[in-house]
Amino acid sequence: MSESEDKAKGAANKTVGAAKDKIGEATDNKDLQEEGKAQKLKGHGQNLKGEAKGALDD
């Protein structure tokens, strides 16, 4: 996977995760809230992976 693909997937996971977190918070659904937090963390990791690939290509 390329740098831009990792960053795009990371951004998507962070966005969806944030939405799940907020919906879970609003509906008092702790499971959905935790799922959202985990997905945001996964997205952050994917973004870092993309950044590392970019740094190695420089």
PDB file of N, CA and C in Angstrom:
ATOM      1  N   MET A   1       0.845  -1.171   0.000  1.00  0.00           N
ATOM      2  CA  MET A   1       0.000   0.000   0.000  1.00  0.00           C
ATOM      3  C   MET A   1       0.894   1.239   0.000  1.00  0.00           C
ATOM      4  N   SER A   2       0.485   2.251  -0.709  1.00  0.00           N
ATOM      5  CA  SER A   2       1.295   3.462  -0.828  1.00  0.00           C
ATOM      6  C   SER A   2       1.042   4.427   0.331  1.00  0.00           C
ATOM      7  N   GLU A   3       1.891   5.418   0.392  1.00  0.00           N
ATOM      8  CA  GLU A   3       1.766   6.453   1.424  1.00  0.00           C
ATOM      9  C   GLU A   3       0.385   7.096   1.395  1.00  0.00           C
ATOM     10  N   SER A   4      -0.057   7.496   0.209  1.00  0.00           N
ATOM     11  CA  SER A   4      -1.347   8.194   0.111  1.00  0.00           C
ATOM     12  C   SER A   4      -2.518   7.269   0.438  1.00  0.00           C
ATOM     13  N   GLU A   5      -2.401   5.990   0.087  1.00  0.00           N
ATOM     14  CA  GLU A   5      -3.478   5.048   0.422  1.00  0.00           C
ATOM     15  C   GLU A   5      -3.574   4.861   1.937  1.00  0.00           C
ATOM     16  N   ASP A   6      -2.435   4.729   2.594  1.00  0.00           N
ATOM     17  CA  ASP A   6      -2.436   4.592   4.052  1.00  0.00           C
ATOM     18  C   ASP A   6      -3.040   5.825   4.715  1.00  0.00           C
ATOM     19  N   LYS A   7      -2.648   6.994   4.237  1.00  0.00           N
ATOM     20  CA  LYS A   7      -3.172   8.229   4.811  1.00  0.00           C
ATOM     21  C   LYS A   7      -4.674   8.372   4.570  1.00  0.00           C
ATOM     22  N   ALA A   8      -5.141   7.978   3.378  1.00  0.00           N
ATOM     23  CA  ALA A   8      -6.574   8.064   3.065  1.00  0.00           C
ATOM     24  C   ALA A   8      -7.376   7.110   3.944  1.00  0.00           C
ATOM     25  N   LYS A   9      -6.892   5.881   4.082  1.00  0.00           N
ATOM     26  CA  LYS A   9      -7.589   4.923   4.943  1.00  0.00           C
ATOM     27  C   LYS A   9      -7.559   5.389   6.395  1.00  0.00           C
ATOM     28  N   GLY A  10      -6.444   5.965   6.807  1.00  0.00           N
ATOM     29  CA  GLY A  10      -6.341   6.482   8.163  1.00  0.00           C
ATOM     30  C   GLY A  10      -7.337   7.598   8.415  1.00  0.00           C
ATOM     31  N   ALA A  11      -7.454   8.502   7.468  1.00  0.00           N
ATOM     32  CA  ALA A  11      -8.404   9.614   7.608  1.00  0.00           C
ATOM     33  C   ALA A  11      -9.838   9.099   7.662  1.00  0.00           C
ATOM     34  N   ALA A  12     -10.145   8.122   6.828  1.00  0.00           N
ATOM     35  CA  ALA A  12     -11.500   7.555   6.816  1.00  0.00           C
ATOM     36  C   ALA A  12     -11.802   6.881   8.144  1.00  0.00           C
ATOM     37  N   ASN A  13     -10.858   6.101   8.657  1.00  0.00           N
ATOM     38  CA  ASN A  13     -11.088   5.426   9.939  1.00  0.00           C
ATOM     39  C   ASN A  13     -11.219   6.419  11.084  1.00  0.00           C
ATOM     40  N   LYS A  14     -10.432   7.480  11.058  1.00  0.00           N
ATOM     41  CA  LYS A  14     -10.555   8.492  12.116  1.00  0.00           C
ATOM     42  C   LYS A  14     -11.914   9.183  12.053  1.00  0.00           C
ATOM     43  N   THR A  15     -12.394   9.474  10.849  1.00  0.00           N
ATOM     44  CA  THR A  15     -13.682  10.147  10.690  1.00  0.00           C
ATOM     45  C   THR A  15     -14.833   9.258  11.138  1.00  0.00           C
ATOM     46  N   VAL A  16     -14.849   8.016  10.664  1.00  0.00           N
ATOM     47  CA  VAL A  16     -15.915   7.085  11.043  1.00  0.00           C
ATOM     48  C   VAL A  16     -15.843   6.792  12.538  1.00  0.00           C
ATOM     49  N   GLY A  17     -14.638   6.625  13.047  1.00  0.00           N
ATOM     50  CA  GLY A  17     -14.479   6.369  14.476  1.00  0.00           C
ATOM     51  C   GLY A  17     -14.984   7.520  15.329  1.00  0.00           C
ATOM     52  N   ALA A  18     -14.705   8.740  14.905  1.00  0.00           N
ATOM     53  CA  ALA A  18     -15.182   9.909  15.649  1.00  0.00           C
ATOM     54  C   ALA A  18     -16.708   9.960  15.652  1.00  0.00           C
ATOM     55  N   ALA A  19     -17.313   9.619  14.517  1.00  0.00           N
ATOM     56  CA  ALA A  19     -18.782   9.611  14.434  1.00  0.00           C
ATOM     57  C   ALA A  19     -19.361   8.556  15.374  1.00  0.00           C
ATOM     58  N   LYS A  20     -18.780   7.361  15.362  1.00  0.00           N
ATOM     59  CA  LYS A  20     -19.260   6.301  16.258  1.00  0.00           C
ATOM     60  C   LYS A  20     -19.106   6.708  17.712  1.00  0.00           C
ATOM     61  N   ASP A  21     -17.988   7.337  18.039  1.00  0.00           N
ATOM     62  CA  ASP A  21     -17.729   7.789  19.401  1.00  0.00           C
ATOM     63  C   ASP A  21     -18.806   8.783  19.838  1.00  0.00           C
ATOM     64  N   LYS A  22     -19.092   9.761  18.989  1.00  0.00           N
ATOM     65  CA  LYS A  22     -20.092  10.784  19.334  1.00  0.00           C
ATOM     66  C   LYS A  22     -21.498  10.200  19.411  1.00  0.00           C
ATOM     67  N   ILE A  23     -21.845   9.314  18.476  1.00  0.00           N
ATOM     68  CA  ILE A  23     -23.175   8.692  18.506  1.00  0.00           C
ATOM     69  C   ILE A  23     -23.309   7.828  19.753  1.00  0.00           C
ATOM     70  N   GLY A  24     -22.257   7.073  20.064  1.00  0.00           N
ATOM     71  CA  GLY A  24     -22.277   6.253  21.271  1.00  0.00           C
ATOM     72  C   GLY A  24     -22.427   7.088  22.524  1.00  0.00           C
ATOM     73  N   GLU A  25     -21.751   8.228  22.546  1.00  0.00           N
ATOM     74  CA  GLU A  25     -21.858   9.141  23.692  1.00  0.00           C
ATOM     75  C   GLU A  25     -23.270   9.706  23.799  1.00  0.00           C
ATOM     76  N   ALA A  26     -23.835  10.119  22.666  1.00  0.00           N
ATOM     77  CA  ALA A  26     -25.164  10.734  22.656  1.00  0.00           C
ATOM     78  C   ALA A  26     -26.266   9.745  23.037  1.00  0.00           C
ATOM     79  N   THR A  27     -26.077   8.475  22.673  1.00  0.00           N
ATOM     80  CA  THR A  27     -27.106   7.469  22.943  1.00  0.00           C
ATOM     81  C   THR A  27     -26.784   6.622  24.170  1.00  0.00           C
ATOM     82  N   ASP A  28     -25.719   6.988  24.871  1.00  0.00           N
ATOM     83  CA  ASP A  28     -25.272   6.257  26.057  1.00  0.00           C
ATOM     84  C   ASP A  28     -24.973   4.792  25.725  1.00  0.00           C
ATOM     85  N   ASN A  29     -24.396   4.572  24.536  1.00  0.00           N
ATOM     86  CA  ASN A  29     -24.019   3.236  24.090  1.00  0.00           C
ATOM     87  C   ASN A  29     -22.500   3.113  24.230  1.00  0.00           C
ATOM     88  N   LYS A  30     -22.086   2.572  25.365  1.00  0.00           N
ATOM     89  CA  LYS A  30     -20.646   2.488  25.677  1.00  0.00           C
ATOM     90  C   LYS A  30     -19.901   1.602  24.684  1.00  0.00           C
ATOM     91  N   ASP A  31     -20.543   0.522  24.204  1.00  0.00           N
ATOM     92  CA  ASP A  31     -19.878  -0.364  23.245  1.00  0.00           C
ATOM     93  C   ASP A  31     -19.569   0.371  21.944  1.00  0.00           C
ATOM     94  N   LEU A  32     -20.534   1.124  21.433  1.00  0.00           N
ATOM     95  CA  LEU A  32     -20.328   1.878  20.199  1.00  0.00           C
ATOM     96  C   LEU A  32     -19.273   2.958  20.408  1.00  0.00           C
ATOM     97  N   GLN A  33     -19.303   3.576  21.572  1.00  0.00           N
ATOM     98  CA  GLN A  33     -18.329   4.617  21.889  1.00  0.00           C
ATOM     99  C   GLN A  33     -16.907   4.035  21.910  1.00  0.00           C
ATOM    100  N   GLU A  34     -16.735   2.881  22.524  1.00  0.00           N
ATOM    101  CA  GLU A  34     -15.421   2.240  22.581  1.00  0.00           C
ATOM    102  C   GLU A  34     -14.976   1.770  21.193  1.00  0.00           C
ATOM    103  N   GLU A  35     -15.925   1.274  20.398  1.00  0.00           N
ATOM    104  CA  GLU A  35     -15.607   0.869  19.027  1.00  0.00           C
ATOM    105  C   GLU A  35     -15.106   2.075  18.227  1.00  0.00           C
ATOM    106  N   GLY A  36     -15.748   3.209  18.425  1.00  0.00           N
ATOM    107  CA  GLY A  36     -15.333   4.429  17.748  1.00  0.00           C
ATOM    108  C   GLY A  36     -13.944   4.873  18.157  1.00  0.00           C
ATOM    109  N   LYS A  37     -13.658   4.793  19.444  1.00  0.00           N
ATOM    110  CA  LYS A  37     -12.327   5.172  19.925  1.00  0.00           C
ATOM    111  C   LYS A  37     -11.260   4.253  19.352  1.00  0.00           C
ATOM    112  N   ALA A  38     -11.565   2.960  19.284  1.00  0.00           N
ATOM    113  CA  ALA A  38     -10.606   1.999  18.721  1.00  0.00           C
ATOM    114  C   ALA A  38     -10.381   2.267  17.233  1.00  0.00           C
ATOM    115  N   GLN A  39     -11.454   2.612  16.521  1.00  0.00           N
ATOM    116  CA  GLN A  39     -11.321   2.879  15.093  1.00  0.00           C
ATOM    117  C   GLN A  39     -10.525   4.164  14.848  1.00  0.00           C
ATOM    118  N   LYS A  40     -10.724   5.166  15.704  1.00  0.00           N
ATOM    119  CA  LYS A  40      -9.921   6.392  15.580  1.00  0.00           C
ATOM    120  C   LYS A  40      -8.440   6.084  15.798  1.00  0.00           C
ATOM    121  N   LEU A  41      -8.139   5.243  16.771  1.00  0.00           N
ATOM    122  CA  LEU A  41      -6.762   4.864  17.046  1.00  0.00           C
ATOM    123  C   LEU A  41      -6.153   4.101  15.870  1.00  0.00           C
ATOM    124  N   LYS A  42      -6.947   3.208  15.267  1.00  0.00           N
ATOM    125  CA  LYS A  42      -6.486   2.485  14.080  1.00  0.00           C
ATOM    126  C   LYS A  42      -6.167   3.475  12.955  1.00  0.00           C
ATOM    127  N   GLY A  43      -7.032   4.449  12.765  1.00  0.00           N
ATOM    128  CA  GLY A  43      -6.807   5.461  11.737  1.00  0.00           C
ATOM    129  C   GLY A  43      -5.558   6.268  11.996  1.00  0.00           C
ATOM    130  N   HIS A  44      -5.322   6.588  13.242  1.00  0.00           N
ATOM    131  CA  HIS A  44      -4.110   7.331  13.602  1.00  0.00           C
ATOM    132  C   HIS A  44      -2.871   6.505  13.254  1.00  0.00           C
ATOM    133  N   GLY A  45      -2.931   5.216  13.552  1.00  0.00           N
ATOM    134  CA  GLY A  45      -1.814   4.330  13.231  1.00  0.00           C
ATOM    135  C   GLY A  45      -1.570   4.235  11.732  1.00  0.00           C
ATOM    136  N   GLN A  46      -2.649   4.157  10.957  1.00  0.00           N
ATOM    137  CA  GLN A  46      -2.512   4.095   9.506  1.00  0.00           C
ATOM    138  C   GLN A  46      -1.895   5.389   8.972  1.00  0.00           C
ATOM    139  N   ASN A  47      -2.300   6.497   9.534  1.00  0.00           N
ATOM    140  CA  ASN A  47      -1.743   7.775   9.109  1.00  0.00           C
ATOM    141  C   ASN A  47      -0.245   7.845   9.407  1.00  0.00           C
ATOM    142  N   LEU A  48       0.148   7.396  10.582  1.00  0.00           N
ATOM    143  CA  LEU A  48       1.568   7.372  10.937  1.00  0.00           C
ATOM    144  C   LEU A  48       2.354   6.460  10.001  1.00  0.00           C
ATOM    145  N   LYS A  49       1.754   5.330   9.633  1.00  0.00           N
ATOM    146  CA  LYS A  49       2.396   4.403   8.699  1.00  0.00           C
ATOM    147  C   LYS A  49       2.623   5.093   7.357  1.00  0.00           C
ATOM    148  N   GLY A  50       1.625   5.832   6.892  1.00  0.00           N
ATOM    149  CA  GLY A  50       1.766   6.566   5.639  1.00  0.00           C
ATOM    150  C   GLY A  50       2.844   7.630   5.720  1.00  0.00           C
ATOM    151  N   GLU A  51       2.884   8.335   6.836  1.00  0.00           N
ATOM    152  CA  GLU A  51       3.913   9.368   7.020  1.00  0.00           C
ATOM    153  C   GLU A  51       5.315   8.749   7.032  1.00  0.00           C
ATOM    154  N   ALA A  52       5.443   7.588   7.675  1.00  0.00           N
ATOM    155  CA  ALA A  52       6.739   6.918   7.727  1.00  0.00           C
ATOM    156  C   ALA A  52       7.175   6.506   6.323  1.00  0.00           C
ATOM    157  N   LYS A  53       6.239   5.981   5.544  1.00  0.00           N
ATOM    158  CA  LYS A  53       6.565   5.607   4.163  1.00  0.00           C
ATOM    159  C   LYS A  53       7.041   6.836   3.367  1.00  0.00           C
ATOM    160  N   GLY A  54       6.368   7.954   3.593  1.00  0.00           N
ATOM    161  CA  GLY A  54       6.766   9.177   2.903  1.00  0.00           C
ATOM    162  C   GLY A  54       8.150   9.640   3.307  1.00  0.00           C
ATOM    163  N   ALA A  55       8.450   9.523   4.589  1.00  0.00           N
ATOM    164  CA  ALA A  55       9.768   9.940   5.074  1.00  0.00           C
ATOM    165  C   ALA A  55      10.864   9.045   4.518  1.00  0.00           C
ATOM    166  N   LEU A  56      10.575   7.778   4.365  1.00  0.00           N
ATOM    167  CA  LEU A  56      11.566   6.844   3.828  1.00  0.00           C
ATOM    168  C   LEU A  56      11.809   7.074   2.336  1.00  0.00           C
ATOM    169  N   ASP A  57      10.796   7.573   1.650  1.00  0.00           N
ATOM    170  CA  ASP A  57      10.939   7.840   0.203  1.00  0.00           C
ATOM    171  C   ASP A  57      11.738   9.102  -0.076  1.00  0.00           C
ATOM    172  N   ASP A  58      11.834   9.978   0.918  1.00  0.00           N
ATOM    173  CA  ASP A  58      12.547  11.268   0.719  1.00  0.00           C
ATOM    174  C   ASP A  58      14.021  11.100   0.581  1.00  0.00           C
TER     175      ASP A  58
END
